[in-house]
Amino acid sequence: MPIDFSESSLEALKYAVAFAGQFDASICLVHVVEPAAFLNDVRKVPPAVSDREVANKLHHKLVMLARKEIDPVTPVHPLVCIGKPFDEIVRTAKTFNADLIIIGTHGRTGFKRAFLGSTAERVVQHAHCPVLVVRQKEDDFVQRDQPSTKKELL
């Protein structure tokens, strides 16, 4: 479950929590720090704070988010990686043998999407398992009545 602490990723976390509760699954929370010292693969001025220091602070933030949003009986694996977000998300899913990736999308269109790319789209293209993309303005299925049988999930 990729988390960038945006509204869309926190909305996707609600889906992940519901799925984990329904299927007695664990959640791997993944945040990816893009290396600050690189821009388009060209070396920049060294950052004031190292990527590792940023990753350590964000790991603590992930742990606190898990404590706040996820039932204590659900196993949670908070992980902060350094690299390209889609690469690290796909690699982590494969490492953990994930059955499903749930990812939020910012819903960018046009020039912003073409310029910035879409992490969610790249994850869908490269993941070894199904990917549920949660749009920022989706109906909140979590508040609906939970299905009583697995057949209703289909």
N, C-alpha and C. Protein backbone atom coordinates (compact mmCIF):
# COMPACT_ATOMS: atom_id res chain seq x y z
N MET A 1 0.86 -1.16 0.00
CA MET A 1 0.00 0.00 0.00
C MET A 1 0.90 1.22 0.00
N PRO A 2 1.11 1.83 -1.17
CA PRO A 2 1.94 3.03 -1.25
C PRO A 2 1.28 4.22 -0.55
N ILE A 3 2.05 4.93 0.23
CA ILE A 3 1.55 6.11 0.95
C ILE A 3 2.50 7.27 0.68
N ASP A 4 1.95 8.38 0.19
CA ASP A 4 2.76 9.60 0.09
C ASP A 4 2.20 10.69 1.00
N PHE A 5 1.26 10.31 1.86
CA PHE A 5 0.61 11.18 2.84
C PHE A 5 -0.32 12.21 2.21
N SER A 6 -0.60 12.06 0.92
CA SER A 6 -1.56 12.95 0.25
C SER A 6 -2.97 12.48 0.60
N GLU A 7 -3.93 13.32 0.30
CA GLU A 7 -5.33 12.98 0.54
C GLU A 7 -5.72 11.70 -0.22
N SER A 8 -5.24 11.59 -1.45
CA SER A 8 -5.61 10.41 -2.25
C SER A 8 -5.00 9.12 -1.70
N SER A 9 -3.77 9.19 -1.19
CA SER A 9 -3.19 7.96 -0.64
C SER A 9 -3.84 7.60 0.70
N LEU A 10 -4.25 8.59 1.46
CA LEU A 10 -4.95 8.31 2.72
C LEU A 10 -6.33 7.74 2.46
N GLU A 11 -6.95 8.16 1.37
CA GLU A 11 -8.24 7.57 0.97
C GLU A 11 -8.05 6.12 0.55
N ALA A 12 -6.98 5.85 -0.19
CA ALA A 12 -6.68 4.48 -0.60
C ALA A 12 -6.39 3.60 0.61
N LEU A 13 -5.81 4.19 1.65
CA LEU A 13 -5.53 3.43 2.88
C LEU A 13 -6.82 2.90 3.49
N LYS A 14 -7.89 3.65 3.39
CA LYS A 14 -9.19 3.18 3.91
C LYS A 14 -9.62 1.89 3.19
N TYR A 15 -9.38 1.84 1.89
CA TYR A 15 -9.69 0.63 1.13
C TYR A 15 -8.82 -0.52 1.61
N ALA A 16 -7.53 -0.25 1.78
CA ALA A 16 -6.61 -1.30 2.21
C ALA A 16 -7.01 -1.85 3.58
N VAL A 17 -7.39 -0.97 4.49
CA VAL A 17 -7.81 -1.40 5.83
C VAL A 17 -9.06 -2.27 5.73
N ALA A 18 -10.01 -1.88 4.90
CA ALA A 18 -11.24 -2.67 4.72
C ALA A 18 -10.93 -4.04 4.13
N PHE A 19 -10.07 -4.08 3.10
CA PHE A 19 -9.69 -5.36 2.49
C PHE A 19 -8.96 -6.24 3.50
N ALA A 20 -8.04 -5.67 4.24
CA ALA A 20 -7.28 -6.45 5.22
C ALA A 20 -8.20 -7.03 6.28
N GLY A 21 -9.17 -6.25 6.73
CA GLY A 21 -10.12 -6.76 7.71
C GLY A 21 -11.00 -7.85 7.15
N GLN A 22 -11.44 -7.68 5.92
CA GLN A 22 -12.33 -8.66 5.28
C GLN A 22 -11.62 -9.99 5.00
N PHE A 23 -10.36 -9.91 4.62
CA PHE A 23 -9.65 -11.11 4.18
C PHE A 23 -8.54 -11.55 5.14
N ASP A 24 -8.52 -10.97 6.33
CA ASP A 24 -7.53 -11.34 7.34
C ASP A 24 -6.12 -11.24 6.75
N ALA A 25 -5.83 -10.11 6.13
CA ALA A 25 -4.55 -9.90 5.45
C ALA A 25 -3.68 -8.90 6.21
N SER A 26 -2.42 -8.87 5.84
CA SER A 26 -1.52 -7.86 6.39
C SER A 26 -1.40 -6.70 5.41
N ILE A 27 -0.89 -5.59 5.90
CA ILE A 27 -0.71 -4.40 5.06
C ILE A 27 0.76 -4.00 5.12
N CYS A 28 1.35 -3.80 3.95
CA CYS A 28 2.70 -3.25 3.87
C CYS A 28 2.55 -1.79 3.42
N LEU A 29 2.85 -0.88 4.33
CA LEU A 29 2.80 0.55 4.01
C LEU A 29 4.16 0.94 3.43
N VAL A 30 4.16 1.48 2.23
CA VAL A 30 5.41 1.82 1.55
C VAL A 30 5.41 3.30 1.20
N HIS A 31 6.45 3.98 1.65
CA HIS A 31 6.67 5.37 1.22
C HIS A 31 8.01 5.40 0.51
N VAL A 32 8.05 6.10 -0.62
CA VAL A 32 9.29 6.16 -1.39
C VAL A 32 9.82 7.59 -1.39
N VAL A 33 11.08 7.72 -0.98
CA VAL A 33 11.78 9.00 -1.01
C VAL A 33 12.56 9.03 -2.31
N GLU A 34 12.26 10.02 -3.13
CA GLU A 34 13.05 10.17 -4.36
C GLU A 34 14.35 10.86 -3.99
N PRO A 35 15.47 10.34 -4.49
CA PRO A 35 16.76 10.93 -4.13
C PRO A 35 16.80 12.43 -4.43
N ALA A 36 17.14 13.21 -3.41
CA ALA A 36 17.17 14.67 -3.55
C ALA A 36 18.36 15.14 -4.38
N ALA A 37 19.39 14.34 -4.44
CA ALA A 37 20.62 14.76 -5.13
C ALA A 37 20.57 14.61 -6.64
N PHE A 38 19.44 14.08 -7.17
CA PHE A 38 19.35 13.87 -8.62
C PHE A 38 18.11 14.53 -9.19
N LEU A 39 18.28 15.13 -10.35
CA LEU A 39 17.17 15.69 -11.11
C LEU A 39 17.42 15.30 -12.56
N ASN A 40 16.55 14.46 -13.09
CA ASN A 40 16.74 13.96 -14.45
C ASN A 40 18.13 13.35 -14.63
N ASP A 41 18.57 12.62 -13.62
CA ASP A 41 19.85 11.92 -13.63
C ASP A 41 21.07 12.83 -13.75
N VAL A 42 20.93 14.10 -13.42
CA VAL A 42 22.04 15.04 -13.41
C VAL A 42 22.30 15.42 -11.96
N ARG A 43 23.53 15.33 -11.52
CA ARG A 43 23.89 15.61 -10.13
C ARG A 43 23.64 17.07 -9.80
N LYS A 44 22.97 17.31 -8.67
CA LYS A 44 22.72 18.66 -8.19
C LYS A 44 23.62 18.93 -6.99
N VAL A 45 23.42 20.08 -6.41
CA VAL A 45 24.12 20.43 -5.18
C VAL A 45 23.69 19.48 -4.07
N PRO A 46 24.60 18.99 -3.24
CA PRO A 46 24.21 18.06 -2.17
C PRO A 46 23.16 18.68 -1.26
N PRO A 47 22.16 17.90 -0.85
CA PRO A 47 21.10 18.42 0.00
C PRO A 47 21.60 18.65 1.43
N ALA A 48 20.90 19.52 2.15
CA ALA A 48 21.25 19.82 3.54
C ALA A 48 20.96 18.62 4.44
N VAL A 49 19.93 17.84 4.10
CA VAL A 49 19.54 16.66 4.87
C VAL A 49 19.66 15.46 3.94
N SER A 50 20.28 14.40 4.42
CA SER A 50 20.46 13.22 3.57
C SER A 50 19.14 12.49 3.34
N ASP A 51 19.09 11.74 2.26
CA ASP A 51 17.91 10.94 1.95
C ASP A 51 17.63 9.96 3.08
N ARG A 52 18.67 9.40 3.67
CA ARG A 52 18.51 8.43 4.77
C ARG A 52 17.87 9.10 5.99
N GLU A 53 18.27 10.34 6.31
CA GLU A 53 17.66 11.06 7.43
C GLU A 53 16.18 11.32 7.17
N VAL A 54 15.87 11.71 5.95
CA VAL A 54 14.47 11.92 5.57
C VAL A 54 13.70 10.61 5.69
N ALA A 55 14.29 9.52 5.20
CA ALA A 55 13.64 8.21 5.26
C ALA A 55 13.37 7.79 6.70
N ASN A 56 14.31 8.04 7.60
CA ASN A 56 14.12 7.68 9.01
C ASN A 56 12.95 8.45 9.63
N LYS A 57 12.85 9.73 9.33
CA LYS A 57 11.74 10.54 9.86
C LYS A 57 10.41 10.06 9.29
N LEU A 58 10.40 9.73 8.01
CA LEU A 58 9.16 9.27 7.38
C LEU A 58 8.76 7.88 7.87
N HIS A 59 9.72 7.06 8.23
CA HIS A 59 9.39 5.75 8.80
C HIS A 59 8.61 5.95 10.09
N HIS A 60 9.06 6.87 10.91
CA HIS A 60 8.33 7.16 12.16
C HIS A 60 6.92 7.66 11.84
N LYS A 61 6.80 8.50 10.83
CA LYS A 61 5.48 9.01 10.42
C LYS A 61 4.57 7.87 9.96
N LEU A 62 5.12 6.89 9.22
CA LEU A 62 4.35 5.72 8.79
C LEU A 62 3.88 4.90 9.98
N VAL A 63 4.75 4.70 10.95
CA VAL A 63 4.39 3.94 12.15
C VAL A 63 3.24 4.64 12.88
N MET A 64 3.33 5.94 13.00
CA MET A 64 2.27 6.70 13.69
C MET A 64 0.96 6.64 12.91
N LEU A 65 1.03 6.71 11.59
CA LEU A 65 -0.16 6.60 10.76
C LEU A 65 -0.80 5.22 10.94
N ALA A 66 0.01 4.19 10.95
CA ALA A 66 -0.51 2.82 11.13
C ALA A 66 -1.21 2.69 12.47
N ARG A 67 -0.62 3.23 13.51
CA ARG A 67 -1.25 3.16 14.84
C ARG A 67 -2.59 3.87 14.88
N LYS A 68 -2.68 4.96 14.13
CA LYS A 68 -3.90 5.77 14.13
C LYS A 68 -5.00 5.17 13.25
N GLU A 69 -4.64 4.63 12.09
CA GLU A 69 -5.63 4.25 11.07
C GLU A 69 -5.92 2.75 10.94
N ILE A 70 -5.04 1.91 11.47
CA ILE A 70 -5.17 0.47 11.23
C ILE A 70 -5.41 -0.25 12.55
N ASP A 71 -6.35 -1.17 12.51
CA ASP A 71 -6.68 -1.98 13.69
C ASP A 71 -5.42 -2.67 14.21
N PRO A 72 -5.21 -2.64 15.51
CA PRO A 72 -3.99 -3.23 16.07
C PRO A 72 -3.81 -4.73 15.79
N VAL A 73 -4.89 -5.45 15.49
CA VAL A 73 -4.74 -6.88 15.20
C VAL A 73 -4.31 -7.15 13.76
N THR A 74 -4.35 -6.13 12.91
CA THR A 74 -3.92 -6.29 11.52
C THR A 74 -2.40 -6.14 11.46
N PRO A 75 -1.69 -7.14 10.95
CA PRO A 75 -0.24 -7.01 10.82
C PRO A 75 0.13 -5.91 9.81
N VAL A 76 1.04 -5.03 10.23
CA VAL A 76 1.46 -3.91 9.38
C VAL A 76 2.98 -3.91 9.26
N HIS A 77 3.45 -3.68 8.04
CA HIS A 77 4.88 -3.60 7.77
C HIS A 77 5.18 -2.23 7.18
N PRO A 78 5.60 -1.25 8.01
CA PRO A 78 5.94 0.08 7.46
C PRO A 78 7.34 0.04 6.85
N LEU A 79 7.46 0.57 5.64
CA LEU A 79 8.72 0.51 4.93
C LEU A 79 8.94 1.80 4.16
N VAL A 80 10.14 2.37 4.28
CA VAL A 80 10.50 3.55 3.50
C VAL A 80 11.68 3.16 2.62
N CYS A 81 11.51 3.41 1.32
CA CYS A 81 12.54 3.10 0.33
C CYS A 81 13.04 4.38 -0.29
N ILE A 82 14.21 4.31 -0.87
CA ILE A 82 14.77 5.45 -1.60
C ILE A 82 14.93 5.03 -3.05
N GLY A 83 14.34 5.80 -3.96
CA GLY A 83 14.43 5.48 -5.38
C GLY A 83 13.28 6.08 -6.15
N LYS A 84 13.02 5.53 -7.31
CA LYS A 84 11.88 5.94 -8.14
C LYS A 84 10.63 5.29 -7.58
N PRO A 85 9.58 6.06 -7.32
CA PRO A 85 8.40 5.49 -6.66
C PRO A 85 7.84 4.23 -7.31
N PHE A 86 7.58 4.24 -8.61
CA PHE A 86 6.96 3.05 -9.20
C PHE A 86 7.88 1.84 -9.13
N ASP A 87 9.19 2.04 -9.32
CA ASP A 87 10.13 0.93 -9.23
C ASP A 87 10.12 0.31 -7.83
N GLU A 88 10.17 1.15 -6.82
CA GLU A 88 10.23 0.67 -5.44
C GLU A 88 8.92 0.02 -5.01
N ILE A 89 7.81 0.57 -5.46
CA ILE A 89 6.50 -0.01 -5.12
C ILE A 89 6.38 -1.41 -5.73
N VAL A 90 6.72 -1.53 -6.99
CA VAL A 90 6.64 -2.82 -7.69
C VAL A 90 7.63 -3.82 -7.07
N ARG A 91 8.84 -3.38 -6.79
CA ARG A 91 9.86 -4.26 -6.20
C ARG A 91 9.40 -4.74 -4.82
N THR A 92 8.86 -3.84 -4.01
CA THR A 92 8.41 -4.21 -2.67
C THR A 92 7.25 -5.18 -2.74
N ALA A 93 6.31 -4.95 -3.65
CA ALA A 93 5.17 -5.86 -3.80
C ALA A 93 5.66 -7.26 -4.16
N LYS A 94 6.64 -7.33 -5.03
CA LYS A 94 7.17 -8.64 -5.42
C LYS A 94 7.91 -9.29 -4.25
N THR A 95 8.71 -8.51 -3.53
CA THR A 95 9.45 -9.03 -2.38
C THR A 95 8.51 -9.60 -1.32
N PHE A 96 7.40 -8.90 -1.06
CA PHE A 96 6.44 -9.34 -0.05
C PHE A 96 5.42 -10.33 -0.62
N ASN A 97 5.56 -10.65 -1.91
CA ASN A 97 4.62 -11.55 -2.58
C ASN A 97 3.18 -11.06 -2.38
N ALA A 98 2.99 -9.78 -2.63
CA ALA A 98 1.67 -9.16 -2.43
C ALA A 98 0.63 -9.76 -3.37
N ASP A 99 -0.57 -9.90 -2.85
CA ASP A 99 -1.69 -10.39 -3.66
C ASP A 99 -2.40 -9.24 -4.36
N LEU A 100 -2.24 -8.02 -3.84
CA LEU A 100 -2.94 -6.86 -4.36
C LEU A 100 -2.20 -5.60 -3.94
N ILE A 101 -2.09 -4.66 -4.87
CA ILE A 101 -1.56 -3.33 -4.56
C ILE A 101 -2.74 -2.37 -4.62
N ILE A 102 -2.93 -1.60 -3.57
CA ILE A 102 -3.97 -0.57 -3.55
C ILE A 102 -3.25 0.77 -3.53
N ILE A 103 -3.51 1.59 -4.54
CA ILE A 103 -2.78 2.85 -4.69
C ILE A 103 -3.74 3.97 -5.03
N GLY A 104 -3.50 5.11 -4.44
CA GLY A 104 -4.29 6.30 -4.76
C GLY A 104 -3.72 7.00 -5.97
N THR A 105 -4.57 7.77 -6.62
CA THR A 105 -4.12 8.57 -7.75
C THR A 105 -4.56 10.00 -7.53
N HIS A 106 -3.73 10.92 -7.97
CA HIS A 106 -4.03 12.33 -7.81
C HIS A 106 -4.99 12.83 -8.88
N GLY A 107 -5.21 12.03 -9.90
CA GLY A 107 -6.16 12.39 -10.94
C GLY A 107 -5.71 13.52 -11.84
N ARG A 108 -4.40 13.64 -12.05
CA ARG A 108 -3.90 14.68 -12.96
C ARG A 108 -4.28 14.33 -14.39
N THR A 109 -4.51 15.35 -15.18
CA THR A 109 -4.81 15.14 -16.59
C THR A 109 -3.98 16.10 -17.43
N GLY A 110 -4.01 15.89 -18.72
CA GLY A 110 -3.39 16.81 -19.66
C GLY A 110 -1.90 16.99 -19.44
N PHE A 111 -1.47 18.26 -19.48
CA PHE A 111 -0.05 18.59 -19.41
C PHE A 111 0.60 18.11 -18.12
N LYS A 112 -0.07 18.31 -16.98
CA LYS A 112 0.52 17.88 -15.70
C LYS A 112 0.80 16.39 -15.70
N ARG A 113 -0.14 15.60 -16.23
CA ARG A 113 0.06 14.14 -16.26
C ARG A 113 1.18 13.77 -17.21
N ALA A 114 1.21 14.43 -18.38
CA ALA A 114 2.25 14.13 -19.36
C ALA A 114 3.62 14.54 -18.83
N PHE A 115 3.69 15.66 -18.13
CA PHE A 115 4.96 16.16 -17.63
C PHE A 115 5.42 15.38 -16.40
N LEU A 116 4.52 15.16 -15.46
CA LEU A 116 4.88 14.52 -14.21
C LEU A 116 4.79 13.00 -14.27
N GLY A 117 4.03 12.48 -15.23
CA GLY A 117 3.83 11.04 -15.30
C GLY A 117 2.83 10.59 -14.26
N SER A 118 2.56 9.34 -14.23
CA SER A 118 1.62 8.80 -13.27
C SER A 118 2.24 7.58 -12.62
N THR A 119 2.54 7.72 -11.34
CA THR A 119 3.09 6.59 -10.60
C THR A 119 2.11 5.43 -10.62
N ALA A 120 0.83 5.72 -10.40
CA ALA A 120 -0.18 4.65 -10.39
C ALA A 120 -0.21 3.92 -11.73
N GLU A 121 -0.16 4.66 -12.82
CA GLU A 121 -0.18 4.03 -14.14
C GLU A 121 1.03 3.14 -14.35
N ARG A 122 2.19 3.59 -13.93
CA ARG A 122 3.41 2.79 -14.09
C ARG A 122 3.37 1.55 -13.20
N VAL A 123 2.80 1.67 -12.01
CA VAL A 123 2.65 0.51 -11.13
C VAL A 123 1.74 -0.51 -11.80
N VAL A 124 0.63 -0.06 -12.38
CA VAL A 124 -0.29 -0.97 -13.07
C VAL A 124 0.45 -1.69 -14.20
N GLN A 125 1.27 -0.98 -14.94
CA GLN A 125 1.98 -1.57 -16.08
C GLN A 125 3.01 -2.61 -15.66
N HIS A 126 3.65 -2.44 -14.51
CA HIS A 126 4.79 -3.27 -14.15
C HIS A 126 4.54 -4.24 -12.99
N ALA A 127 3.43 -4.14 -12.31
CA ALA A 127 3.19 -4.99 -11.14
C ALA A 127 2.96 -6.43 -11.52
N HIS A 128 3.37 -7.33 -10.65
CA HIS A 128 3.18 -8.77 -10.85
C HIS A 128 1.80 -9.24 -10.39
N CYS A 129 1.07 -8.36 -9.72
CA CYS A 129 -0.23 -8.73 -9.13
C CYS A 129 -1.27 -7.66 -9.51
N PRO A 130 -2.54 -7.92 -9.24
CA PRO A 130 -3.56 -6.92 -9.53
C PRO A 130 -3.32 -5.62 -8.75
N VAL A 131 -3.77 -4.51 -9.35
CA VAL A 131 -3.62 -3.20 -8.73
C VAL A 131 -4.99 -2.54 -8.70
N LEU A 132 -5.39 -2.10 -7.52
CA LEU A 132 -6.63 -1.34 -7.36
C LEU A 132 -6.24 0.12 -7.25
N VAL A 133 -6.66 0.91 -8.23
CA VAL A 133 -6.36 2.34 -8.24
C VAL A 133 -7.57 3.08 -7.69
N VAL A 134 -7.36 3.81 -6.61
CA VAL A 134 -8.44 4.55 -5.95
C VAL A 134 -8.34 6.00 -6.38
N ARG A 135 -9.36 6.44 -7.09
CA ARG A 135 -9.39 7.83 -7.51
C ARG A 135 -9.74 8.71 -6.33
N GLN A 136 -9.25 9.91 -6.34
CA GLN A 136 -9.43 10.81 -5.21
C GLN A 136 -10.89 11.10 -4.91
N LYS A 137 -11.75 11.13 -5.90
CA LYS A 137 -13.15 11.50 -5.69
C LYS A 137 -14.10 10.33 -5.82
N GLU A 138 -13.60 9.12 -5.56
CA GLU A 138 -14.44 7.93 -5.63
C GLU A 138 -15.47 7.94 -4.51
N ASP A 139 -16.58 7.22 -4.73
CA ASP A 139 -17.51 6.98 -3.64
C ASP A 139 -16.78 6.19 -2.58
N ASP A 140 -17.11 6.41 -1.35
CA ASP A 140 -16.44 5.72 -0.27
C ASP A 140 -17.15 4.41 0.02
N PHE A 141 -16.66 3.31 -0.58
CA PHE A 141 -17.30 2.01 -0.40
C PHE A 141 -17.18 1.53 1.03
N VAL A 142 -16.21 2.02 1.78
CA VAL A 142 -15.96 1.54 3.13
C VAL A 142 -17.15 1.81 4.04
N GLN A 143 -17.91 2.87 3.76
CA GLN A 143 -19.03 3.21 4.62
C GLN A 143 -20.30 2.46 4.26
N ARG A 144 -20.30 1.77 3.14
CA ARG A 144 -21.45 0.96 2.76
C ARG A 144 -21.46 -0.30 3.61
N ASP A 145 -22.60 -0.98 3.62
CA ASP A 145 -22.67 -2.25 4.33
C ASP A 145 -21.69 -3.22 3.71
N GLN A 146 -20.99 -3.95 4.55
CA GLN A 146 -20.04 -4.95 4.07
C GLN A 146 -20.81 -6.14 3.51
N PRO A 147 -20.35 -6.73 2.43
CA PRO A 147 -21.03 -7.90 1.87
C PRO A 147 -20.99 -9.07 2.85
N SER A 148 -22.04 -9.86 2.83
CA SER A 148 -22.12 -10.98 3.77
C SER A 148 -21.45 -12.24 3.23
N THR A 149 -21.22 -12.29 1.91
CA THR A 149 -20.55 -13.46 1.34
C THR A 149 -19.51 -13.00 0.34
N LYS A 150 -18.56 -13.87 0.07
CA LYS A 150 -17.52 -13.54 -0.90
C LYS A 150 -18.10 -13.34 -2.28
N LYS A 151 -19.18 -14.04 -2.59
CA LYS A 151 -19.80 -13.94 -3.90
C LYS A 151 -20.24 -12.50 -4.19
N GLU A 152 -20.68 -11.77 -3.17
CA GLU A 152 -21.11 -10.39 -3.37
C GLU A 152 -19.96 -9.46 -3.72
N LEU A 153 -18.72 -9.87 -3.47
CA LEU A 153 -17.59 -9.05 -3.82
C LEU A 153 -17.34 -9.04 -5.32
N LEU A 154 -17.82 -10.04 -6.04
CA LEU A 154 -17.57 -10.17 -7.46
C LEU A 154 -18.31 -9.17 -8.28
